[in-house]
C-alpha atoms as a PDB file:
ATOM      1  CA  MET A   1     -30.258   2.978 -18.558  1.00  0.00           C
ATOM      2  CA  LYS A   2     -28.698  -0.463 -18.839  1.00  0.00           C
ATOM      3  CA  LYS A   3     -25.370   1.088 -19.922  1.00  0.00           C
ATOM      4  CA  ARG A   4     -25.418   3.266 -16.829  1.00  0.00           C
ATOM      5  CA  TYR A   5     -25.772   0.233 -14.524  1.00  0.00           C
ATOM      6  CA  LEU A   6     -22.978  -1.549 -16.351  1.00  0.00           C
ATOM      7  CA  LEU A   7     -20.718   1.493 -15.982  1.00  0.00           C
ATOM      8  CA  ILE A   8     -21.474   1.848 -12.277  1.00  0.00           C
ATOM      9  CA  THR A   9     -20.863  -1.856 -11.688  1.00  0.00           C
ATOM     10  CA  ALA A  10     -17.573  -1.769 -13.577  1.00  0.00           C
ATOM     11  CA  LEU A  11     -16.470   1.293 -11.616  1.00  0.00           C
ATOM     12  CA  ILE A  12     -17.298  -0.347  -8.275  1.00  0.00           C
ATOM     13  CA  LEU A  13     -15.350  -3.470  -9.232  1.00  0.00           C
ATOM     14  CA  LEU A  14     -12.411  -1.403 -10.404  1.00  0.00           C
ATOM     15  CA  LEU A  15     -12.268   0.672  -7.241  1.00  0.00           C
ATOM     16  CA  SER A  16     -12.692  -2.291  -4.922  1.00  0.00           C
ATOM     17  CA  GLY A  17      -9.716  -3.941  -6.616  1.00  0.00           C
ATOM     18  CA  CYS A  18      -7.541  -0.902  -5.893  1.00  0.00           C
ATOM     19  CA  ASN A  19      -7.338  -1.511  -2.157  1.00  0.00           C
ATOM     20  CA  LYS A  20      -3.853  -2.866  -1.706  1.00  0.00           C
ATOM     21  CA  VAL A  21      -3.578  -2.123   2.018  1.00  0.00           C
ATOM     22  CA  THR A  22      -4.505  -5.639   3.129  1.00  0.00           C
ATOM     23  CA  LYS A  23      -3.266  -8.245   5.581  1.00  0.00           C
ATOM     24  CA  ASP A  24      -2.175 -10.437   2.662  1.00  0.00           C
ATOM     25  CA  ASN A  25       0.003  -7.684   1.198  1.00  0.00           C
ATOM     26  CA  TYR A  26       1.352  -6.760   4.634  1.00  0.00           C
ATOM     27  CA  ASN A  27       2.451 -10.386   5.080  1.00  0.00           C
ATOM     28  CA  LYS A  28       4.455 -10.129   1.822  1.00  0.00           C
ATOM     29  CA  ILE A  29       6.712  -7.441   3.284  1.00  0.00           C
ATOM     30  CA  LYS A  30      10.080  -8.879   4.268  1.00  0.00           C
ATOM     31  CA  SER A  31      13.073  -7.253   5.893  1.00  0.00           C
ATOM     32  CA  GLY A  32      15.644  -6.290   3.282  1.00  0.00           C
ATOM     33  CA  MET A  33      13.128  -5.752   0.424  1.00  0.00           C
ATOM     34  CA  THR A  34      13.727  -2.631  -1.616  1.00  0.00           C
ATOM     35  CA  TYR A  35      11.290   0.236  -1.952  1.00  0.00           C
ATOM     36  CA  GLU A  36      10.671  -0.774  -5.580  1.00  0.00           C
ATOM     37  CA  GLU A  37       9.805  -4.349  -4.597  1.00  0.00           C
ATOM     38  CA  VAL A  38       7.252  -3.109  -2.044  1.00  0.00           C
ATOM     39  CA  VAL A  39       5.689  -0.663  -4.526  1.00  0.00           C
ATOM     40  CA  LYS A  40       5.067  -3.560  -6.935  1.00  0.00           C
ATOM     41  CA  PHE A  41       2.374  -5.005  -4.660  1.00  0.00           C
ATOM     42  CA  LEU A  42       1.333  -2.037  -2.469  1.00  0.00           C
ATOM     43  CA  GLY A  43       1.435   0.652  -5.125  1.00  0.00           C
ATOM     44  CA  GLU A  44       2.791   4.142  -4.532  1.00  0.00           C
ATOM     45  CA  PRO A  45       2.636   5.336  -0.905  1.00  0.00           C
ATOM     46  CA  GLU A  46       0.465   8.256   0.181  1.00  0.00           C
ATOM     47  CA  GLY A  47       3.564   9.926   1.461  1.00  0.00           C
ATOM     48  CA  CYS A  48       7.171   9.529   2.509  1.00  0.00           C
ATOM     49  CA  SER A  49       9.474  11.589   4.656  1.00  0.00           C
ATOM     50  CA  GLU A  50      13.231  11.295   4.211  1.00  0.00           C
ATOM     51  CA  ALA A  51      16.271  12.264   6.238  1.00  0.00           C
ATOM     52  CA  LEU A  52      19.846  10.962   6.253  1.00  0.00           C
ATOM     53  CA  GLY A  53      19.128   7.879   4.121  1.00  0.00           C
ATOM     54  CA  ILE A  54      16.064   6.893   6.150  1.00  0.00           C
ATOM     55  CA  SER A  55      12.610   6.979   4.535  1.00  0.00           C
ATOM     56  CA  ASN A  56       9.323   6.546   6.396  1.00  0.00           C
ATOM     57  CA  CYS A  57       6.499   5.745   3.976  1.00  0.00           C
ATOM     58  CA  THR A  58       2.790   5.240   4.600  1.00  0.00           C
ATOM     59  CA  TRP A  59       0.120   3.415   2.648  1.00  0.00           C
ATOM     60  CA  LYS A  60      -3.490   4.018   3.684  1.00  0.00           C
ATOM     61  CA  ASN A  61      -7.085   3.208   2.891  1.00  0.00           C
ATOM     62  CA  ASP A  62     -10.209   4.227   4.799  1.00  0.00           C
ATOM     63  CA  ASP A  63      -9.662   2.015   7.865  1.00  0.00           C
ATOM     64  CA  ALA A  64      -6.138   0.624   7.565  1.00  0.00           C
ATOM     65  CA  GLN A  65      -2.565   1.759   7.351  1.00  0.00           C
ATOM     66  CA  ILE A  66       0.843   0.262   6.642  1.00  0.00           C
ATOM     67  CA  ALA A  67       3.946   2.223   7.652  1.00  0.00           C
ATOM     68  CA  ILE A  68       7.398   1.105   6.536  1.00  0.00           C
ATOM     69  CA  THR A  69      10.832   2.435   7.430  1.00  0.00           C
ATOM     70  CA  PHE A  70      13.471   2.048   4.739  1.00  0.00           C
ATOM     71  CA  ILE A  71      17.151   2.442   5.533  1.00  0.00           C
ATOM     72  CA  SER A  72      19.404   2.652   2.478  1.00  0.00           C
ATOM     73  CA  ASN A  73      16.333   1.715   0.365  1.00  0.00           C
ATOM     74  CA  GLN A  74      15.700  -1.528   2.283  1.00  0.00           C
ATOM     75  CA  VAL A  75      12.790  -2.434   4.587  1.00  0.00           C
ATOM     76  CA  THR A  76      13.856  -2.445   8.231  1.00  0.00           C
ATOM     77  CA  ILE A  77      10.544  -1.952  10.070  1.00  0.00           C
ATOM     78  CA  ALA A  78       6.941  -2.511   8.964  1.00  0.00           C
ATOM     79  CA  VAL A  79       3.934  -1.716  11.138  1.00  0.00           C
ATOM     80  CA  ALA A  80       0.214  -2.031  10.369  1.00  0.00           C
ATOM     81  CA  ASN A  81      -3.052  -0.875  11.914  1.00  0.00           C
ATOM     82  CA  GLY A  82      -6.635  -1.864  11.126  1.00  0.00           C
ATOM     83  CA  LEU A  83      -5.888  -4.545   8.517  1.00  0.00           C
ATOM     84  CA  LYS A  84      -8.574  -7.071   7.610  1.00  0.00           C
END
């Protein structure tokens, strides 16, 4: 029984540390950063759409979202909703 509680506690801590869609991480985004630089602190996006060298990528959690537009693999616009 004790092992079960330890496992559940470890899992909760692990999952709570996975939320990278935060105000702190949003504030790290700077114009001109590459997609790879952004992925280092936000992780892989939930999805991206691409056309003519423009990529629109979105990172989400339950209540928050960060959307970034990359032109030629560089941040041009970053918008956030619901960040804490």
